[in-house]
C-alpha atoms as a PDB file:
ATOM      1  CA  MET A   1       1.081 -52.811  58.556  1.00  0.00           C
ATOM      2  CA  TRP A   2       4.240 -53.571  56.562  1.00  0.00           C
ATOM      3  CA  ARG A   3       2.905 -56.991  55.712  1.00  0.00           C
ATOM      4  CA  SER A   4      -0.252 -55.463  54.218  1.00  0.00           C
ATOM      5  CA  ILE A   5       1.827 -53.037  52.123  1.00  0.00           C
ATOM      6  CA  ALA A   6       4.072 -55.884  50.897  1.00  0.00           C
ATOM      7  CA  ILE A   7       1.043 -57.990  49.913  1.00  0.00           C
ATOM      8  CA  PHE A   8      -0.512 -54.978  48.164  1.00  0.00           C
ATOM      9  CA  LEU A   9       2.708 -54.266  46.202  1.00  0.00           C
ATOM     10  CA  ALA A  10       3.223 -57.934  45.284  1.00  0.00           C
ATOM     11  CA  GLY A  11      -0.389 -58.156  44.083  1.00  0.00           C
ATOM     12  CA  GLY A  12       0.055 -54.967  42.042  1.00  0.00           C
ATOM     13  CA  ILE A  13       3.237 -56.246  40.404  1.00  0.00           C
ATOM     14  CA  PHE A  14       1.647 -59.613  39.671  1.00  0.00           C
ATOM     15  CA  GLY A  15      -1.469 -57.930  38.272  1.00  0.00           C
ATOM     16  CA  VAL A  16       0.535 -55.656  35.960  1.00  0.00           C
ATOM     17  CA  ALA A  17       2.667 -58.585  34.740  1.00  0.00           C
ATOM     18  CA  ALA A  18      -0.361 -60.816  34.133  1.00  0.00           C
ATOM     19  CA  GLY A  19      -2.237 -58.003  32.394  1.00  0.00           C
ATOM     20  CA  THR A  20       0.719 -57.226  30.131  1.00  0.00           C
ATOM     21  CA  ALA A  21       1.177 -60.894  29.200  1.00  0.00           C
ATOM     22  CA  LEU A  22      -2.538 -61.264  28.483  1.00  0.00           C
ATOM     23  CA  GLY A  23      -2.443 -58.080  26.402  1.00  0.00           C
ATOM     24  CA  PHE A  24       0.410 -59.413  24.236  1.00  0.00           C
ATOM     25  CA  PHE A  25      -1.495 -62.649  23.693  1.00  0.00           C
ATOM     26  CA  LEU A  26      -4.858 -61.029  22.914  1.00  0.00           C
ATOM     27  CA  PHE A  27      -3.541 -58.115  20.817  1.00  0.00           C
ATOM     28  CA  PRO A  28      -3.789 -59.915  17.422  1.00  0.00           C
ATOM     29  CA  PHE A  29      -7.328 -61.045  18.268  1.00  0.00           C
ATOM     30  CA  VAL A  30      -8.538 -57.606  19.348  1.00  0.00           C
ATOM     31  CA  PHE A  31      -6.623 -55.547  16.757  1.00  0.00           C
ATOM     32  CA  PRO A  32      -6.076 -57.771  13.700  1.00  0.00           C
ATOM     33  CA  PRO A  33      -4.330 -56.228  10.702  1.00  0.00           C
ATOM     34  CA  PRO A  34      -6.571 -55.325   7.762  1.00  0.00           C
ATOM     35  CA  PRO A  35      -7.027 -57.901   4.989  1.00  0.00           C
ATOM     36  CA  ALA A  36      -4.155 -57.995   2.514  1.00  0.00           C
ATOM     37  CA  THR A  37      -4.732 -57.150  -1.142  1.00  0.00           C
ATOM     38  CA  GLU A  38      -1.367 -57.813  -2.756  1.00  0.00           C
ATOM     39  CA  GLN A  39      -1.278 -58.672  -6.453  1.00  0.00           C
ATOM     40  CA  LEU A  40       1.255 -60.360  -8.689  1.00  0.00           C
ATOM     41  CA  THR A  41       2.780 -58.303 -11.471  1.00  0.00           C
ATOM     42  CA  ALA A  42       2.624 -59.562 -15.067  1.00  0.00           C
ATOM     43  CA  GLU A  43       6.254 -60.746 -14.808  1.00  0.00           C
ATOM     44  CA  GLU A  44       5.521 -62.675 -11.587  1.00  0.00           C
ATOM     45  CA  ARG A  45       2.323 -64.283 -12.895  1.00  0.00           C
ATOM     46  CA  THR A  46       4.042 -66.950 -14.964  1.00  0.00           C
ATOM     47  CA  GLU A  47       2.640 -70.435 -15.362  1.00  0.00           C
ATOM     48  CA  ALA A  48       1.737 -71.971 -12.000  1.00  0.00           C
ATOM     49  CA  VAL A  49       4.153 -74.638 -10.754  1.00  0.00           C
ATOM     50  CA  ALA A  50       1.787 -76.001  -8.084  1.00  0.00           C
ATOM     51  CA  GLU A  51      -1.511 -75.312  -6.328  1.00  0.00           C
ATOM     52  CA  GLY A  52      -3.026 -76.301  -3.022  1.00  0.00           C
ATOM     53  CA  THR A  53      -5.690 -75.545  -0.433  1.00  0.00           C
ATOM     54  CA  PHE A  54      -5.106 -74.761   3.239  1.00  0.00           C
ATOM     55  CA  ILE A  55      -6.943 -77.051   5.641  1.00  0.00           C
ATOM     56  CA  HIS A  56      -7.885 -77.178   9.301  1.00  0.00           C
ATOM     57  CA  ALA A  57      -5.286 -79.755  10.378  1.00  0.00           C
ATOM     58  CA  ASN A  58      -6.802 -80.389  13.816  1.00  0.00           C
ATOM     59  CA  PRO A  59     -10.623 -79.969  13.792  1.00  0.00           C
ATOM     60  CA  SER A  60     -10.742 -80.295  17.590  1.00  0.00           C
ATOM     61  CA  ASP A  61      -8.724 -77.043  17.844  1.00  0.00           C
ATOM     62  CA  PRO A  62     -11.055 -74.103  17.089  1.00  0.00           C
ATOM     63  CA  ILE A  63      -8.294 -71.454  17.312  1.00  0.00           C
ATOM     64  CA  HIS A  64      -5.714 -72.780  14.840  1.00  0.00           C
ATOM     65  CA  TYR A  65      -7.389 -73.076  11.458  1.00  0.00           C
ATOM     66  CA  GLY A  66      -6.806 -72.070   7.891  1.00  0.00           C
ATOM     67  CA  LYS A  67      -8.620 -72.077   4.586  1.00  0.00           C
ATOM     68  CA  GLY A  68      -8.223 -70.784   1.086  1.00  0.00           C
ATOM     69  CA  LYS A  69      -6.026 -71.470  -1.893  1.00  0.00           C
ATOM     70  CA  VAL A  70      -2.295 -71.086  -2.482  1.00  0.00           C
ATOM     71  CA  THR A  71      -0.553 -70.969  -5.856  1.00  0.00           C
ATOM     72  CA  VAL A  72       3.187 -71.501  -6.294  1.00  0.00           C
ATOM     73  CA  TYR A  73       4.927 -69.783  -9.197  1.00  0.00           C
ATOM     74  CA  GLU A  74       8.603 -70.090 -10.146  1.00  0.00           C
ATOM     75  CA  GLY A  75       9.647 -67.224  -7.859  1.00  0.00           C
ATOM     76  CA  ASN A  76       6.661 -66.674  -5.542  1.00  0.00           C
ATOM     77  CA  VAL A  77       4.183 -68.311  -3.235  1.00  0.00           C
ATOM     78  CA  PHE A  78       0.870 -66.494  -3.638  1.00  0.00           C
ATOM     79  CA  LEU A  79      -1.853 -66.780  -1.011  1.00  0.00           C
ATOM     80  CA  GLU A  80      -5.073 -66.225  -2.965  1.00  0.00           C
ATOM     81  CA  PRO A  81      -7.764 -63.664  -1.977  1.00  0.00           C
ATOM     82  CA  ASP A  82      -9.850 -66.361  -0.203  1.00  0.00           C
ATOM     83  CA  PHE A  83      -6.952 -67.136   2.213  1.00  0.00           C
ATOM     84  CA  GLU A  84      -7.770 -66.903   5.938  1.00  0.00           C
ATOM     85  CA  VAL A  85      -6.265 -68.155   9.221  1.00  0.00           C
ATOM     86  CA  GLY A  86      -7.250 -67.721  12.851  1.00  0.00           C
ATOM     87  CA  PRO A  87      -5.320 -64.812  14.397  1.00  0.00           C
ATOM     88  CA  GLY A  88      -2.263 -65.283  16.563  1.00  0.00           C
ATOM     89  CA  PRO A  89       1.298 -64.112  17.157  1.00  0.00           C
ATOM     90  CA  ASP A  90       4.379 -64.611  14.995  1.00  0.00           C
ATOM     91  CA  TYR A  91       2.935 -66.615  12.071  1.00  0.00           C
ATOM     92  CA  HIS A  92       5.310 -67.538   9.238  1.00  0.00           C
ATOM     93  CA  VAL A  93       4.917 -69.081   5.779  1.00  0.00           C
ATOM     94  CA  TYR A  94       7.068 -72.183   5.232  1.00  0.00           C
ATOM     95  CA  LEU A  95       7.850 -74.460   2.306  1.00  0.00           C
ATOM     96  CA  VAL A  96       8.127 -77.935   3.850  1.00  0.00           C
ATOM     97  CA  PRO A  97       9.857 -80.943   2.228  1.00  0.00           C
ATOM     98  CA  LYS A  98       7.216 -83.380   3.483  1.00  0.00           C
ATOM     99  CA  ALA A  99       3.847 -84.271   1.974  1.00  0.00           C
ATOM    100  CA  ASN A 100       0.659 -84.508   4.041  1.00  0.00           C
ATOM    101  CA  VAL A 101       1.811 -82.359   6.970  1.00  0.00           C
ATOM    102  CA  ARG A 102      -0.723 -82.846   9.767  1.00  0.00           C
ATOM    103  CA  GLY A 103       1.174 -82.245  13.005  1.00  0.00           C
ATOM    104  CA  GLU A 104       3.915 -80.183  14.618  1.00  0.00           C
ATOM    105  CA  ALA A 105       6.467 -83.016  14.385  1.00  0.00           C
ATOM    106  CA  ASP A 106       6.133 -83.035  10.577  1.00  0.00           C
ATOM    107  CA  VAL A 107       7.457 -79.461  10.477  1.00  0.00           C
ATOM    108  CA  ALA A 108       9.762 -79.279  13.497  1.00  0.00           C
ATOM    109  CA  ASP A 109      12.024 -82.070  12.196  1.00  0.00           C
ATOM    110  CA  ALA A 110      12.086 -80.859   8.576  1.00  0.00           C
ATOM    111  CA  MET A 111      14.553 -78.601   6.745  1.00  0.00           C
ATOM    112  CA  PHE A 112      11.866 -76.100   5.795  1.00  0.00           C
ATOM    113  CA  VAL A 113      12.324 -72.811   3.933  1.00  0.00           C
ATOM    114  CA  ASP A 114      10.997 -69.803   5.874  1.00  0.00           C
ATOM    115  CA  LEU A 115       9.473 -67.379   3.353  1.00  0.00           C
ATOM    116  CA  GLY A 116       8.784 -64.718   5.972  1.00  0.00           C
ATOM    117  CA  LYS A 117       6.310 -63.454   8.506  1.00  0.00           C
ATOM    118  CA  LEU A 118       2.621 -63.629   7.601  1.00  0.00           C
ATOM    119  CA  ARG A 119       1.511 -60.048   6.907  1.00  0.00           C
ATOM    120  CA  SER A 120      -2.228 -60.482   7.395  1.00  0.00           C
ATOM    121  CA  PHE A 121      -4.640 -63.128   8.653  1.00  0.00           C
ATOM    122  CA  GLU A 122      -6.703 -62.889   5.475  1.00  0.00           C
ATOM    123  CA  GLY A 123      -6.456 -61.837   1.871  1.00  0.00           C
ATOM    124  CA  SER A 124      -3.978 -62.139  -0.986  1.00  0.00           C
ATOM    125  CA  GLN A 125      -0.267 -62.032  -0.178  1.00  0.00           C
ATOM    126  CA  LYS A 126       2.912 -62.951  -2.036  1.00  0.00           C
ATOM    127  CA  TYR A 127       6.163 -64.325  -0.659  1.00  0.00           C
ATOM    128  CA  ALA A 128       9.392 -64.516  -2.651  1.00  0.00           C
ATOM    129  CA  ILE A 129      11.048 -67.916  -2.958  1.00  0.00           C
ATOM    130  CA  PRO A 130      14.842 -67.737  -2.515  1.00  0.00           C
ATOM    131  CA  GLY A 131      16.909 -68.584  -5.563  1.00  0.00           C
ATOM    132  CA  GLY A 132      18.118 -72.157  -5.881  1.00  0.00           C
ATOM    133  CA  VAL A 133      15.111 -73.762  -4.160  1.00  0.00           C
ATOM    134  CA  ASP A 134      13.957 -76.887  -6.031  1.00  0.00           C
ATOM    135  CA  LEU A 135      10.189 -76.564  -5.691  1.00  0.00           C
ATOM    136  CA  LYS A 136       9.569 -80.251  -6.528  1.00  0.00           C
ATOM    137  CA  LYS A 137      11.251 -81.105  -3.203  1.00  0.00           C
ATOM    138  CA  TYR A 138       8.722 -79.035  -1.217  1.00  0.00           C
ATOM    139  CA  PRO A 139       5.226 -80.562  -1.543  1.00  0.00           C
ATOM    140  CA  SER A 140       3.677 -78.486   1.267  1.00  0.00           C
ATOM    141  CA  VAL A 141       3.127 -74.840   2.166  1.00  0.00           C
ATOM    142  CA  VAL A 142       2.519 -74.341   5.884  1.00  0.00           C
ATOM    143  CA  ILE A 143       1.414 -71.503   8.148  1.00  0.00           C
ATOM    144  CA  TRP A 144       3.407 -71.950  11.378  1.00  0.00           C
ATOM    145  CA  CYS A 145       3.458 -70.095  14.704  1.00  0.00           C
ATOM    146  CA  GLN A 146       7.159 -69.632  15.494  1.00  0.00           C
ATOM    147  CA  ARG A 147       6.579 -68.299  18.994  1.00  0.00           C
ATOM    148  CA  PHE A 148       4.781 -71.410  20.246  1.00  0.00           C
ATOM    149  CA  GLY A 149       5.893 -74.027  17.678  1.00  0.00           C
ATOM    150  CA  VAL A 150       2.336 -74.744  16.547  1.00  0.00           C
ATOM    151  CA  LEU A 151       1.052 -75.867  13.156  1.00  0.00           C
ATOM    152  CA  ILE A 152      -1.672 -73.447  12.106  1.00  0.00           C
ATOM    153  CA  SER A 153      -2.625 -74.708   8.653  1.00  0.00           C
ATOM    154  CA  PRO A 154      -0.958 -76.891   5.992  1.00  0.00           C
ATOM    155  CA  ALA A 155      -1.619 -76.958   2.254  1.00  0.00           C
ATOM    156  CA  ASP A 156      -0.705 -80.034   0.207  1.00  0.00           C
ATOM    157  CA  LEU A 157       0.562 -78.992  -3.216  1.00  0.00           C
ATOM    158  CA  THR A 158      -0.400 -80.570  -6.523  1.00  0.00           C
ATOM    159  CA  PHE A 159       2.269 -79.951  -9.111  1.00  0.00           C
ATOM    160  CA  ALA A 160       1.336 -79.003 -12.660  1.00  0.00           C
ATOM    161  CA  GLY A 161       1.993 -81.714 -15.221  1.00  0.00           C
ATOM    162  CA  GLY A 162       2.477 -84.423 -12.676  1.00  0.00           C
END
């Protein structure tokens, strides 16, 4: 009798824990935030320093993808309205001092600049660049999952006038 109750309680605890963990993982897929529609002000929309396009770094991975354009201004990184990534937890926007980022090791070993948490999985968004950052030293903008250390989507930048 007691053994049956212990097995029932252990199964209940395990079921609740597994269900909670699965819920945290699936939440961004089931309830994604609405598309972002941020705009740059006239003062922020100076001449573009660099432009790039997000790519699907690992085509064999159907979950971690990205597409759309990114424009870098003197004080902002602007994800254009066509920006989109596959949903997931704890995504951040990084400036990375390495060109042609294609794997996790390219980011994990770099002295990147974290511009903040991604606010939406699609649509236009702007991220302030901290003062003193030499943009010529950061040829990539990357969407990175901090929780799992996974590269979601890199964008190689082409600098204006060079």
